[in-house]
Amino acid sequence: MELAKDRDDQEMMLKKRNEELEKALRESKWREEKMISELQRTWERLRVAEEAEERLCSQLGELEAEAVNQARAYHSRILSLMNDLSQAHNLLHLQPVTN
């Protein structure tokens, strides 16, 4: 009788332990699925950020090229105005003063 009770107690303990392990396994699988899902969302955000970075770099390059072209145009215009001013200055100094 005592042997049967010990066996029943062991079976109950094993059954309880098995249930605990199964519960831990389910929780572990749920956490794994959650982590995989989060990793996929993070990967997608990274991909979007990289694409945005590429677009921004391209736009920045275009703006830099435009800025260089404008700076060259402004420089040319300044040289032209300086030349015109120099010619006007020379003309004023070469003209006799009349009263």
C-alpha atoms as a PDB file:
ATOM      1  CA  MET A   1       0.000   0.000   0.000  1.00  0.00           C
ATOM      2  CA  GLU A   2       2.782   2.396   0.951  1.00  0.00           C
ATOM      3  CA  LEU A   3       4.618   1.565  -2.276  1.00  0.00           C
ATOM      4  CA  ALA A   4       1.574   2.406  -4.373  1.00  0.00           C
ATOM      5  CA  LYS A   5       1.163   5.729  -2.556  1.00  0.00           C
ATOM      6  CA  ASP A   6       4.824   6.619  -3.154  1.00  0.00           C
ATOM      7  CA  ARG A   7       4.402   5.720  -6.838  1.00  0.00           C
ATOM      8  CA  ASP A   8       1.250   7.855  -7.056  1.00  0.00           C
ATOM      9  CA  ASP A   9       3.068  10.752  -5.362  1.00  0.00           C
ATOM     10  CA  GLN A  10       5.974  10.425  -7.798  1.00  0.00           C
ATOM     11  CA  GLU A  11       3.595  10.296 -10.757  1.00  0.00           C
ATOM     12  CA  MET A  12       1.817  13.403  -9.490  1.00  0.00           C
ATOM     13  CA  MET A  13       5.142  15.193  -9.017  1.00  0.00           C
ATOM     14  CA  LEU A  14       6.291  14.145 -12.498  1.00  0.00           C
ATOM     15  CA  LYS A  15       2.974  15.199 -13.999  1.00  0.00           C
ATOM     16  CA  LYS A  16       3.170  18.567 -12.231  1.00  0.00           C
ATOM     17  CA  ARG A  17       6.786  19.025 -13.335  1.00  0.00           C
ATOM     18  CA  ASN A  18       5.853  18.081 -16.898  1.00  0.00           C
ATOM     19  CA  GLU A  19       3.035  20.662 -16.873  1.00  0.00           C
ATOM     20  CA  GLU A  20       5.446  23.310 -15.570  1.00  0.00           C
ATOM     21  CA  LEU A  21       7.962  22.445 -18.294  1.00  0.00           C
ATOM     22  CA  GLU A  22       5.260  22.544 -20.978  1.00  0.00           C
ATOM     23  CA  LYS A  23       4.120  25.945 -19.698  1.00  0.00           C
ATOM     24  CA  ALA A  24       7.717  27.214 -19.700  1.00  0.00           C
ATOM     25  CA  LEU A  25       8.134  25.894 -23.256  1.00  0.00           C
ATOM     26  CA  ARG A  26       4.964  27.683 -24.442  1.00  0.00           C
ATOM     27  CA  GLU A  27       6.133  30.916 -22.815  1.00  0.00           C
ATOM     28  CA  SER A  28       9.574  30.510 -24.355  1.00  0.00           C
ATOM     29  CA  LYS A  29       8.073  29.950 -27.820  1.00  0.00           C
ATOM     30  CA  TRP A  30       5.829  32.989 -27.363  1.00  0.00           C
ATOM     31  CA  ARG A  31       8.839  35.126 -26.375  1.00  0.00           C
ATOM     32  CA  GLU A  32      10.798  33.792 -29.348  1.00  0.00           C
ATOM     33  CA  GLU A  33       7.956  34.658 -31.749  1.00  0.00           C
ATOM     34  CA  LYS A  34       7.678  38.103 -30.173  1.00  0.00           C
ATOM     35  CA  MET A  35      11.431  38.673 -30.552  1.00  0.00           C
ATOM     36  CA  ILE A  36      11.357  37.495 -34.176  1.00  0.00           C
ATOM     37  CA  SER A  37       8.481  39.860 -34.883  1.00  0.00           C
ATOM     38  CA  GLU A  38      10.308  42.743 -33.223  1.00  0.00           C
ATOM     39  CA  LEU A  39      13.474  41.893 -35.151  1.00  0.00           C
ATOM     40  CA  GLN A  40      11.513  41.963 -38.425  1.00  0.00           C
ATOM     41  CA  ARG A  41       9.990  45.360 -37.540  1.00  0.00           C
ATOM     42  CA  THR A  42      13.433  46.689 -36.615  1.00  0.00           C
ATOM     43  CA  TRP A  43      14.897  45.325 -39.859  1.00  0.00           C
ATOM     44  CA  GLU A  44      12.154  47.061 -41.851  1.00  0.00           C
ATOM     45  CA  ARG A  45      12.762  50.360 -40.026  1.00  0.00           C
ATOM     46  CA  LEU A  46      16.477  50.026 -40.762  1.00  0.00           C
ATOM     47  CA  ARG A  47      15.770  49.406 -44.448  1.00  0.00           C
ATOM     48  CA  VAL A  48      13.508  52.476 -44.611  1.00  0.00           C
ATOM     49  CA  ALA A  49      16.126  54.581 -42.797  1.00  0.00           C
ATOM     50  CA  GLU A  50      18.856  53.445 -45.202  1.00  0.00           C
ATOM     51  CA  GLU A  51      16.690  54.325 -48.206  1.00  0.00           C
ATOM     52  CA  ALA A  52      15.959  57.739 -46.706  1.00  0.00           C
ATOM     53  CA  GLU A  53      19.662  58.266 -46.079  1.00  0.00           C
ATOM     54  CA  GLU A  54      20.436  57.437 -49.718  1.00  0.00           C
ATOM     55  CA  ARG A  55      17.774  59.889 -50.929  1.00  0.00           C
ATOM     56  CA  LEU A  56      19.077  62.606 -48.612  1.00  0.00           C
ATOM     57  CA  CYS A  57      22.658  62.057 -49.772  1.00  0.00           C
ATOM     58  CA  SER A  58      21.532  62.286 -53.383  1.00  0.00           C
ATOM     59  CA  GLN A  59      19.600  65.488 -52.687  1.00  0.00           C
ATOM     60  CA  LEU A  60      22.549  66.918 -50.789  1.00  0.00           C
ATOM     61  CA  GLY A  61      24.836  66.183 -53.729  1.00  0.00           C
ATOM     62  CA  GLU A  62      22.438  67.944 -56.088  1.00  0.00           C
ATOM     63  CA  LEU A  63      22.224  70.948 -53.755  1.00  0.00           C
ATOM     64  CA  GLU A  64      26.004  71.105 -53.454  1.00  0.00           C
ATOM     65  CA  ALA A  65      26.366  71.060 -57.244  1.00  0.00           C
ATOM     66  CA  GLU A  66      23.743  73.803 -57.548  1.00  0.00           C
ATOM     67  CA  ALA A  67      25.510  75.866 -54.865  1.00  0.00           C
ATOM     68  CA  VAL A  68      28.830  75.547 -56.715  1.00  0.00           C
ATOM     69  CA  ASN A  69      27.189  76.634 -59.970  1.00  0.00           C
ATOM     70  CA  GLN A  70      25.563  79.616 -58.261  1.00  0.00           C
ATOM     71  CA  ALA A  71      28.833  80.588 -56.595  1.00  0.00           C
ATOM     72  CA  ARG A  72      30.596  80.472 -59.974  1.00  0.00           C
ATOM     73  CA  ALA A  73      27.842  82.557 -61.560  1.00  0.00           C
ATOM     74  CA  TYR A  74      27.995  85.103 -58.719  1.00  0.00           C
ATOM     75  CA  HIS A  75      31.773  85.234 -58.981  1.00  0.00           C
ATOM     76  CA  SER A  76      31.555  85.852 -62.724  1.00  0.00           C
ATOM     77  CA  ARG A  77      28.951  88.563 -62.166  1.00  0.00           C
ATOM     78  CA  ILE A  78      31.135  90.223 -59.519  1.00  0.00           C
ATOM     79  CA  LEU A  79      34.143  90.155 -61.867  1.00  0.00           C
ATOM     80  CA  SER A  80      32.014  91.654 -64.617  1.00  0.00           C
ATOM     81  CA  LEU A  81      30.733  94.407 -62.322  1.00  0.00           C
ATOM     82  CA  MET A  82      34.251  95.093 -61.071  1.00  0.00           C
ATOM     83  CA  ASN A  83      35.408  95.384 -64.684  1.00  0.00           C
ATOM     84  CA  ASP A  84      32.532  97.750 -65.501  1.00  0.00           C
ATOM     85  CA  LEU A  85      33.301  99.808 -62.414  1.00  0.00           C
ATOM     86  CA  SER A  86      36.988  99.940 -63.313  1.00  0.00           C
ATOM     87  CA  GLN A  87      36.158 101.093 -66.848  1.00  0.00           C
ATOM     88  CA  ALA A  88      33.760 103.724 -65.512  1.00  0.00           C
ATOM     89  CA  HIS A  89      36.412 104.884 -63.056  1.00  0.00           C
ATOM     90  CA  ASN A  90      39.002 105.145 -65.831  1.00  0.00           C
ATOM     91  CA  LEU A  91      36.568 107.092 -68.017  1.00  0.00           C
ATOM     92  CA  LEU A  92      35.878 109.531 -65.223  1.00  0.00           C
ATOM     93  CA  HIS A  93      39.570 110.140 -64.626  1.00  0.00           C
ATOM     94  CA  LEU A  94      40.366 110.538 -68.329  1.00  0.00           C
ATOM     95  CA  GLN A  95      37.592 113.070 -68.918  1.00  0.00           C
ATOM     96  CA  PRO A  96      38.664 116.655 -68.486  1.00  0.00           C
ATOM     97  CA  VAL A  97      36.857 118.493 -65.778  1.00  0.00           C
ATOM     98  CA  THR A  98      34.697 121.243 -67.251  1.00  0.00           C
ATOM     99  CA  ASN A  99      33.170 124.131 -65.298  1.00  0.00           C
END
